[in-house]
Amino acid sequence: MRWMLIGLVSVVAVVITLWSTRGLAQPKPVGFVSAFTVEVEPGNEQLFVERFQQRAQLVDKAKGFRGLFVLQHIRHANKFIVLTLWEDEASFRAWVNSEEFRTAHGKSNVPTVSTQLDTYRVRLSTQKLEGAAGQ
C-alpha cells in the first residue's frame, strides 16, 4: 500500500509539471488535486476511456476547475487514475455537492473491481503562471 501512495504522489507531481510546461497553465495556481483510482474489470478498459471521451464536460465549467487527466497503468491496463486539478479544496467540494456532479456521474455503466478517492493539497509546484517572467 505504501508503494501505491508513493507512486500516486509521484504521478500527481509529474502531471502537474507536464501540464504547466505545455502552456496549459491557468491564471490561478492549482492548490488541490483529487485522485480517483479505478480498477475496471479486465476487458472494459476501452469502454472506460470512451466514457471520458464522451463525457458531458460539466466539470470543465465548474468554478475553480483547472484540468482533468485520465491515466492508464502501463503494466496493469485495467487500472486507471483520474486526476482533477482545482484552484482550491472549496471549489472541489462545491463540485462534488452540485447537481452537475450528480448528472455527470449518474450513468457510468463500466464494471469495476475497486475504486478509491484520495485528495491532496498542493504544497509545492513548479507550475508557471501565464504572464510570468520568462514565458
N, C-alpha and C. Protein backbone atom coordinates (compact mmCIF):
# COMPACT_ATOMS: atom_id res chain seq x y z
N MET A 1 0.83 -1.19 0.00
CA MET A 1 0.00 0.00 0.00
C MET A 1 0.87 1.25 0.00
N ARG A 2 1.98 1.19 0.72
CA ARG A 2 2.86 2.36 0.79
C ARG A 2 3.43 2.72 -0.58
N TRP A 3 3.81 1.68 -1.36
CA TRP A 3 4.36 1.96 -2.69
C TRP A 3 3.33 2.59 -3.59
N MET A 4 2.04 2.22 -3.39
CA MET A 4 0.99 2.83 -4.20
C MET A 4 0.86 4.31 -3.88
N LEU A 5 0.93 4.68 -2.60
CA LEU A 5 0.83 6.08 -2.21
C LEU A 5 2.01 6.87 -2.75
N ILE A 6 3.21 6.32 -2.63
CA ILE A 6 4.40 7.00 -3.14
C ILE A 6 4.28 7.17 -4.66
N GLY A 7 3.83 6.12 -5.34
CA GLY A 7 3.65 6.19 -6.78
C GLY A 7 2.61 7.21 -7.19
N LEU A 8 1.50 7.25 -6.45
CA LEU A 8 0.44 8.19 -6.76
C LEU A 8 0.89 9.63 -6.58
N VAL A 9 1.58 9.90 -5.49
CA VAL A 9 2.10 11.25 -5.25
C VAL A 9 3.08 11.63 -6.35
N SER A 10 3.91 10.69 -6.77
CA SER A 10 4.86 10.95 -7.85
C SER A 10 4.14 11.26 -9.15
N VAL A 11 3.09 10.50 -9.45
CA VAL A 11 2.32 10.72 -10.67
C VAL A 11 1.68 12.11 -10.64
N VAL A 12 1.10 12.49 -9.51
CA VAL A 12 0.47 13.80 -9.38
C VAL A 12 1.50 14.90 -9.65
N ALA A 13 2.69 14.78 -9.06
CA ALA A 13 3.73 15.78 -9.25
C ALA A 13 4.15 15.87 -10.71
N VAL A 14 4.32 14.74 -11.37
CA VAL A 14 4.73 14.73 -12.78
C VAL A 14 3.64 15.34 -13.66
N VAL A 15 2.38 14.98 -13.42
CA VAL A 15 1.29 15.51 -14.24
C VAL A 15 1.18 17.02 -14.09
N ILE A 16 1.27 17.52 -12.87
CA ILE A 16 1.20 18.97 -12.68
C ILE A 16 2.35 19.65 -13.40
N THR A 17 3.54 19.08 -13.33
CA THR A 17 4.70 19.65 -14.01
C THR A 17 4.51 19.63 -15.52
N LEU A 18 4.09 18.48 -16.08
CA LEU A 18 3.87 18.39 -17.52
C LEU A 18 2.77 19.34 -17.96
N TRP A 19 1.72 19.41 -17.19
CA TRP A 19 0.59 20.27 -17.51
C TRP A 19 1.03 21.72 -17.60
N SER A 20 1.83 22.14 -16.67
CA SER A 20 2.22 23.55 -16.64
C SER A 20 3.28 23.87 -17.69
N THR A 21 4.14 22.92 -18.05
CA THR A 21 5.20 23.21 -19.00
C THR A 21 4.72 23.13 -20.44
N ARG A 22 3.53 22.68 -20.68
CA ARG A 22 3.00 22.60 -22.05
C ARG A 22 2.13 23.80 -22.38
N GLY A 23 2.20 24.83 -21.58
CA GLY A 23 1.47 26.05 -21.89
C GLY A 23 0.00 25.98 -21.52
N LEU A 24 -0.39 25.01 -20.71
CA LEU A 24 -1.79 24.88 -20.35
C LEU A 24 -2.10 25.49 -18.99
N ALA A 25 -1.13 26.12 -18.40
CA ALA A 25 -1.33 26.68 -17.06
C ALA A 25 -2.43 27.74 -17.09
N GLN A 26 -3.22 27.76 -16.07
CA GLN A 26 -4.30 28.72 -15.93
C GLN A 26 -3.78 29.93 -15.15
N PRO A 27 -4.51 31.04 -15.17
CA PRO A 27 -4.06 32.23 -14.46
C PRO A 27 -3.88 32.02 -12.96
N LYS A 28 -4.69 31.14 -12.36
CA LYS A 28 -4.56 30.88 -10.94
C LYS A 28 -3.94 29.50 -10.74
N PRO A 29 -3.14 29.32 -9.69
CA PRO A 29 -2.43 28.05 -9.50
C PRO A 29 -3.35 26.92 -9.07
N VAL A 30 -2.85 25.71 -9.24
CA VAL A 30 -3.51 24.51 -8.75
C VAL A 30 -3.15 24.37 -7.28
N GLY A 31 -4.17 24.30 -6.43
CA GLY A 31 -3.93 24.17 -4.99
C GLY A 31 -4.47 22.89 -4.41
N PHE A 32 -5.22 22.12 -5.23
CA PHE A 32 -5.88 20.92 -4.72
C PHE A 32 -6.03 19.93 -5.86
N VAL A 33 -5.80 18.64 -5.57
CA VAL A 33 -5.88 17.59 -6.58
C VAL A 33 -6.70 16.43 -6.02
N SER A 34 -7.64 15.93 -6.83
CA SER A 34 -8.32 14.69 -6.46
C SER A 34 -7.79 13.59 -7.36
N ALA A 35 -7.57 12.43 -6.76
CA ALA A 35 -7.06 11.27 -7.50
C ALA A 35 -8.02 10.11 -7.26
N PHE A 36 -8.77 9.77 -8.29
CA PHE A 36 -9.74 8.70 -8.22
C PHE A 36 -9.12 7.48 -8.87
N THR A 37 -8.77 6.49 -8.07
CA THR A 37 -8.16 5.26 -8.57
C THR A 37 -9.27 4.27 -8.89
N VAL A 38 -9.25 3.74 -10.10
CA VAL A 38 -10.29 2.82 -10.56
C VAL A 38 -9.64 1.59 -11.18
N GLU A 39 -10.08 0.43 -10.74
CA GLU A 39 -9.69 -0.81 -11.40
C GLU A 39 -10.96 -1.35 -12.05
N VAL A 40 -10.97 -1.37 -13.38
CA VAL A 40 -12.14 -1.88 -14.09
C VAL A 40 -11.97 -3.37 -14.32
N GLU A 41 -13.08 -4.06 -14.53
CA GLU A 41 -12.99 -5.48 -14.84
C GLU A 41 -12.22 -5.64 -16.15
N PRO A 42 -11.28 -6.58 -16.20
CA PRO A 42 -10.49 -6.78 -17.43
C PRO A 42 -11.41 -6.91 -18.65
N GLY A 43 -10.99 -6.28 -19.73
CA GLY A 43 -11.78 -6.28 -20.96
C GLY A 43 -12.63 -5.03 -21.11
N ASN A 44 -12.71 -4.20 -20.06
CA ASN A 44 -13.53 -2.99 -20.09
C ASN A 44 -12.70 -1.71 -20.16
N GLU A 45 -11.43 -1.85 -20.45
CA GLU A 45 -10.54 -0.68 -20.47
C GLU A 45 -10.97 0.34 -21.51
N GLN A 46 -11.23 -0.10 -22.72
CA GLN A 46 -11.62 0.83 -23.78
C GLN A 46 -12.95 1.50 -23.47
N LEU A 47 -13.88 0.76 -22.90
CA LEU A 47 -15.17 1.32 -22.51
C LEU A 47 -14.97 2.44 -21.49
N PHE A 48 -14.08 2.22 -20.53
CA PHE A 48 -13.80 3.24 -19.51
C PHE A 48 -13.26 4.51 -20.16
N VAL A 49 -12.30 4.36 -21.06
CA VAL A 49 -11.71 5.52 -21.75
C VAL A 49 -12.76 6.22 -22.60
N GLU A 50 -13.58 5.46 -23.29
CA GLU A 50 -14.63 6.05 -24.14
C GLU A 50 -15.63 6.86 -23.32
N ARG A 51 -15.93 6.42 -22.11
CA ARG A 51 -16.84 7.18 -21.25
C ARG A 51 -16.30 8.59 -20.98
N PHE A 52 -14.99 8.69 -20.82
CA PHE A 52 -14.40 10.01 -20.61
C PHE A 52 -14.34 10.81 -21.90
N GLN A 53 -14.12 10.15 -23.01
CA GLN A 53 -14.11 10.85 -24.28
C GLN A 53 -15.49 11.41 -24.63
N GLN A 54 -16.53 10.74 -24.17
CA GLN A 54 -17.90 11.13 -24.49
C GLN A 54 -18.58 11.91 -23.35
N ARG A 55 -17.83 12.28 -22.35
CA ARG A 55 -18.42 12.92 -21.18
C ARG A 55 -19.04 14.27 -21.54
N ALA A 56 -19.95 14.72 -20.71
CA ALA A 56 -20.68 15.96 -20.96
C ALA A 56 -19.83 17.20 -20.70
N GLN A 57 -18.67 17.04 -20.12
CA GLN A 57 -17.74 18.14 -19.83
C GLN A 57 -18.32 19.16 -18.86
N LEU A 58 -19.17 18.71 -17.97
CA LEU A 58 -19.77 19.61 -16.98
C LEU A 58 -18.73 20.12 -16.00
N VAL A 59 -17.77 19.27 -15.64
CA VAL A 59 -16.75 19.71 -14.68
C VAL A 59 -15.91 20.85 -15.25
N ASP A 60 -15.75 20.89 -16.56
CA ASP A 60 -14.93 21.93 -17.18
C ASP A 60 -15.46 23.34 -16.89
N LYS A 61 -16.76 23.43 -16.60
CA LYS A 61 -17.39 24.72 -16.33
C LYS A 61 -17.44 25.05 -14.84
N ALA A 62 -16.99 24.11 -14.01
CA ALA A 62 -17.08 24.31 -12.56
C ALA A 62 -16.09 25.38 -12.10
N LYS A 63 -16.53 26.20 -11.17
CA LYS A 63 -15.67 27.25 -10.61
C LYS A 63 -14.45 26.59 -9.97
N GLY A 64 -13.27 27.09 -10.31
CA GLY A 64 -12.04 26.60 -9.72
C GLY A 64 -11.44 25.38 -10.39
N PHE A 65 -12.09 24.82 -11.40
CA PHE A 65 -11.57 23.64 -12.11
C PHE A 65 -10.38 24.05 -12.97
N ARG A 66 -9.30 23.26 -12.92
CA ARG A 66 -8.09 23.60 -13.67
C ARG A 66 -7.68 22.53 -14.67
N GLY A 67 -8.17 21.30 -14.55
CA GLY A 67 -7.78 20.28 -15.52
C GLY A 67 -8.17 18.89 -15.10
N LEU A 68 -8.16 17.98 -16.07
CA LEU A 68 -8.50 16.58 -15.84
C LEU A 68 -7.55 15.71 -16.64
N PHE A 69 -7.08 14.65 -16.01
CA PHE A 69 -6.22 13.66 -16.67
C PHE A 69 -6.76 12.28 -16.38
N VAL A 70 -6.82 11.41 -17.40
CA VAL A 70 -7.15 10.00 -17.20
C VAL A 70 -5.87 9.24 -17.52
N LEU A 71 -5.30 8.62 -16.48
CA LEU A 71 -4.04 7.91 -16.62
C LEU A 71 -4.29 6.40 -16.59
N GLN A 72 -3.65 5.66 -17.51
CA GLN A 72 -3.79 4.21 -17.54
C GLN A 72 -2.45 3.60 -17.16
N HIS A 73 -2.50 2.63 -16.26
CA HIS A 73 -1.29 1.96 -15.79
C HIS A 73 -0.60 1.25 -16.95
N ILE A 74 0.71 1.27 -16.96
CA ILE A 74 1.48 0.65 -18.05
C ILE A 74 1.40 -0.87 -18.02
N ARG A 75 1.61 -1.48 -16.86
CA ARG A 75 1.64 -2.94 -16.77
C ARG A 75 0.28 -3.57 -16.49
N HIS A 76 -0.60 -2.84 -15.83
CA HIS A 76 -1.93 -3.35 -15.48
C HIS A 76 -2.96 -2.46 -16.18
N ALA A 77 -3.26 -2.80 -17.43
CA ALA A 77 -4.06 -1.94 -18.30
C ALA A 77 -5.46 -1.66 -17.76
N ASN A 78 -5.94 -2.45 -16.82
CA ASN A 78 -7.29 -2.22 -16.28
C ASN A 78 -7.28 -1.30 -15.06
N LYS A 79 -6.12 -0.72 -14.73
CA LYS A 79 -6.03 0.21 -13.61
C LYS A 79 -5.84 1.63 -14.14
N PHE A 80 -6.63 2.54 -13.59
CA PHE A 80 -6.63 3.93 -14.03
C PHE A 80 -6.56 4.86 -12.82
N ILE A 81 -6.06 6.06 -13.05
CA ILE A 81 -6.17 7.15 -12.08
C ILE A 81 -6.78 8.33 -12.84
N VAL A 82 -7.85 8.86 -12.29
CA VAL A 82 -8.48 10.05 -12.85
C VAL A 82 -8.11 11.21 -11.93
N LEU A 83 -7.30 12.11 -12.45
CA LEU A 83 -6.87 13.27 -11.67
C LEU A 83 -7.68 14.49 -12.09
N THR A 84 -8.18 15.21 -11.10
CA THR A 84 -8.76 16.52 -11.39
C THR A 84 -7.98 17.54 -10.59
N LEU A 85 -7.67 18.65 -11.23
CA LEU A 85 -6.87 19.71 -10.62
C LEU A 85 -7.78 20.90 -10.35
N TRP A 86 -7.64 21.49 -9.17
CA TRP A 86 -8.53 22.54 -8.71
C TRP A 86 -7.76 23.71 -8.14
N GLU A 87 -8.37 24.86 -8.21
CA GLU A 87 -7.79 26.05 -7.60
C GLU A 87 -7.66 25.87 -6.08
N ASP A 88 -8.68 25.28 -5.48
CA ASP A 88 -8.67 25.07 -4.03
C ASP A 88 -9.65 23.97 -3.65
N GLU A 89 -9.58 23.54 -2.40
CA GLU A 89 -10.45 22.47 -1.92
C GLU A 89 -11.92 22.87 -1.95
N ALA A 90 -12.22 24.11 -1.63
CA ALA A 90 -13.61 24.57 -1.63
C ALA A 90 -14.25 24.40 -3.01
N SER A 91 -13.51 24.68 -4.06
CA SER A 91 -14.04 24.51 -5.42
C SER A 91 -14.35 23.04 -5.69
N PHE A 92 -13.45 22.15 -5.29
CA PHE A 92 -13.69 20.71 -5.46
C PHE A 92 -14.92 20.27 -4.70
N ARG A 93 -15.03 20.69 -3.44
CA ARG A 93 -16.18 20.29 -2.60
C ARG A 93 -17.50 20.83 -3.19
N ALA A 94 -17.47 22.04 -3.70
CA ALA A 94 -18.67 22.61 -4.33
C ALA A 94 -19.08 21.78 -5.54
N TRP A 95 -18.11 21.34 -6.32
CA TRP A 95 -18.40 20.49 -7.49
C TRP A 95 -19.01 19.17 -7.05
N VAL A 96 -18.42 18.52 -6.06
CA VAL A 96 -18.91 17.22 -5.60
C VAL A 96 -20.34 17.32 -5.06
N ASN A 97 -20.70 18.44 -4.51
CA ASN A 97 -22.04 18.63 -3.94
C ASN A 97 -23.04 19.24 -4.92
N SER A 98 -22.65 19.38 -6.18
CA SER A 98 -23.51 20.05 -7.15
C SER A 98 -24.41 19.07 -7.91
N GLU A 99 -25.48 19.62 -8.45
CA GLU A 99 -26.38 18.83 -9.31
C GLU A 99 -25.63 18.37 -10.57
N GLU A 100 -24.73 19.21 -11.07
CA GLU A 100 -23.95 18.86 -12.26
C GLU A 100 -23.09 17.62 -12.01
N PHE A 101 -22.53 17.52 -10.80
CA PHE A 101 -21.74 16.33 -10.44
C PHE A 101 -22.62 15.09 -10.50
N ARG A 102 -23.80 15.16 -9.92
CA ARG A 102 -24.70 14.01 -9.91
C ARG A 102 -25.09 13.63 -11.34
N THR A 103 -25.33 14.62 -12.18
CA THR A 103 -25.65 14.35 -13.58
C THR A 103 -24.47 13.69 -14.29
N ALA A 104 -23.27 14.21 -14.08
CA ALA A 104 -22.07 13.70 -14.76
C ALA A 104 -21.73 12.28 -14.34
N HIS A 105 -22.06 11.91 -13.11
CA HIS A 105 -21.67 10.60 -12.59
C HIS A 105 -22.84 9.62 -12.52
N GLY A 106 -23.96 9.98 -13.12
CA GLY A 106 -25.16 9.17 -13.00
C GLY A 106 -25.23 7.93 -13.86
N LYS A 107 -24.42 7.84 -14.91
CA LYS A 107 -24.58 6.71 -15.85
C LYS A 107 -23.24 6.16 -16.34
N SER A 108 -22.43 5.66 -15.45
CA SER A 108 -21.13 5.14 -15.82
C SER A 108 -21.24 3.81 -16.57
N ASN A 109 -21.89 2.84 -15.98
CA ASN A 109 -22.10 1.53 -16.59
C ASN A 109 -20.81 0.82 -16.97
N VAL A 110 -19.71 1.12 -16.31
CA VAL A 110 -18.46 0.41 -16.55
C VAL A 110 -18.21 -0.49 -15.33
N PRO A 111 -18.16 -1.81 -15.54
CA PRO A 111 -17.95 -2.71 -14.40
C PRO A 111 -16.57 -2.48 -13.75
N THR A 112 -16.58 -2.27 -12.44
CA THR A 112 -15.34 -2.01 -11.72
C THR A 112 -15.06 -3.11 -10.70
N VAL A 113 -13.77 -3.29 -10.40
CA VAL A 113 -13.32 -4.20 -9.36
C VAL A 113 -13.17 -3.44 -8.06
N SER A 114 -12.58 -2.23 -8.16
CA SER A 114 -12.38 -1.41 -6.97
C SER A 114 -12.26 0.06 -7.37
N THR A 115 -12.57 0.92 -6.40
CA THR A 115 -12.40 2.36 -6.59
C THR A 115 -11.92 2.97 -5.27
N GLN A 116 -11.20 4.07 -5.40
CA GLN A 116 -10.74 4.78 -4.20
C GLN A 116 -10.51 6.24 -4.58
N LEU A 117 -10.98 7.14 -3.72
CA LEU A 117 -10.76 8.56 -3.92
C LEU A 117 -9.77 9.07 -2.88
N ASP A 118 -8.73 9.74 -3.35
CA ASP A 118 -7.77 10.39 -2.47
C ASP A 118 -7.71 11.85 -2.88
N THR A 119 -7.52 12.73 -1.91
CA THR A 119 -7.41 14.15 -2.20
C THR A 119 -6.13 14.69 -1.60
N TYR A 120 -5.57 15.71 -2.26
CA TYR A 120 -4.27 16.25 -1.87
C TYR A 120 -4.28 17.77 -1.97
N ARG A 121 -3.62 18.40 -1.03
CA ARG A 121 -3.34 19.83 -1.13
C ARG A 121 -1.96 19.96 -1.79
N VAL A 122 -1.84 20.85 -2.72
CA VAL A 122 -0.54 21.07 -3.38
C VAL A 122 0.30 21.94 -2.44
N ARG A 123 1.43 21.43 -2.04
CA ARG A 123 2.33 22.15 -1.13
C ARG A 123 3.52 22.76 -1.86
N LEU A 124 3.84 22.22 -3.02
CA LEU A 124 4.95 22.73 -3.81
C LEU A 124 4.67 22.41 -5.26
N SER A 125 4.93 23.34 -6.14
CA SER A 125 4.68 23.14 -7.56
C SER A 125 5.71 23.92 -8.36
N THR A 126 6.08 23.36 -9.50
CA THR A 126 6.96 24.07 -10.43
C THR A 126 6.15 24.73 -11.53
N GLN A 127 4.86 24.82 -11.28
CA GLN A 127 3.93 25.37 -12.24
C GLN A 127 4.26 26.81 -12.58
N LYS A 128 4.25 27.13 -13.88
CA LYS A 128 4.43 28.51 -14.33
C LYS A 128 3.07 29.12 -14.55
N LEU A 129 2.93 30.35 -14.16
CA LEU A 129 1.67 31.05 -14.35
C LEU A 129 1.74 31.87 -15.63
N GLU A 130 0.60 32.02 -16.31
CA GLU A 130 0.58 32.85 -17.52
C GLU A 130 1.01 34.25 -17.15
N GLY A 131 1.78 34.84 -18.01
CA GLY A 131 2.24 36.21 -17.77
C GLY A 131 3.47 36.26 -16.87
N ALA A 132 3.96 35.10 -16.42
CA ALA A 132 5.14 35.10 -15.55
C ALA A 132 6.36 35.44 -16.40
N ALA A 133 7.34 36.01 -15.76
CA ALA A 133 8.57 36.38 -16.46
C ALA A 133 9.20 35.15 -17.08
N GLY A 134 9.75 35.30 -18.29
CA GLY A 134 10.46 34.21 -18.94
C GLY A 134 9.58 33.36 -19.85
N GLN A 135 8.30 33.68 -19.99
CA GLN A 135 7.44 32.89 -20.88
C GLN A 135 7.49 33.41 -22.27
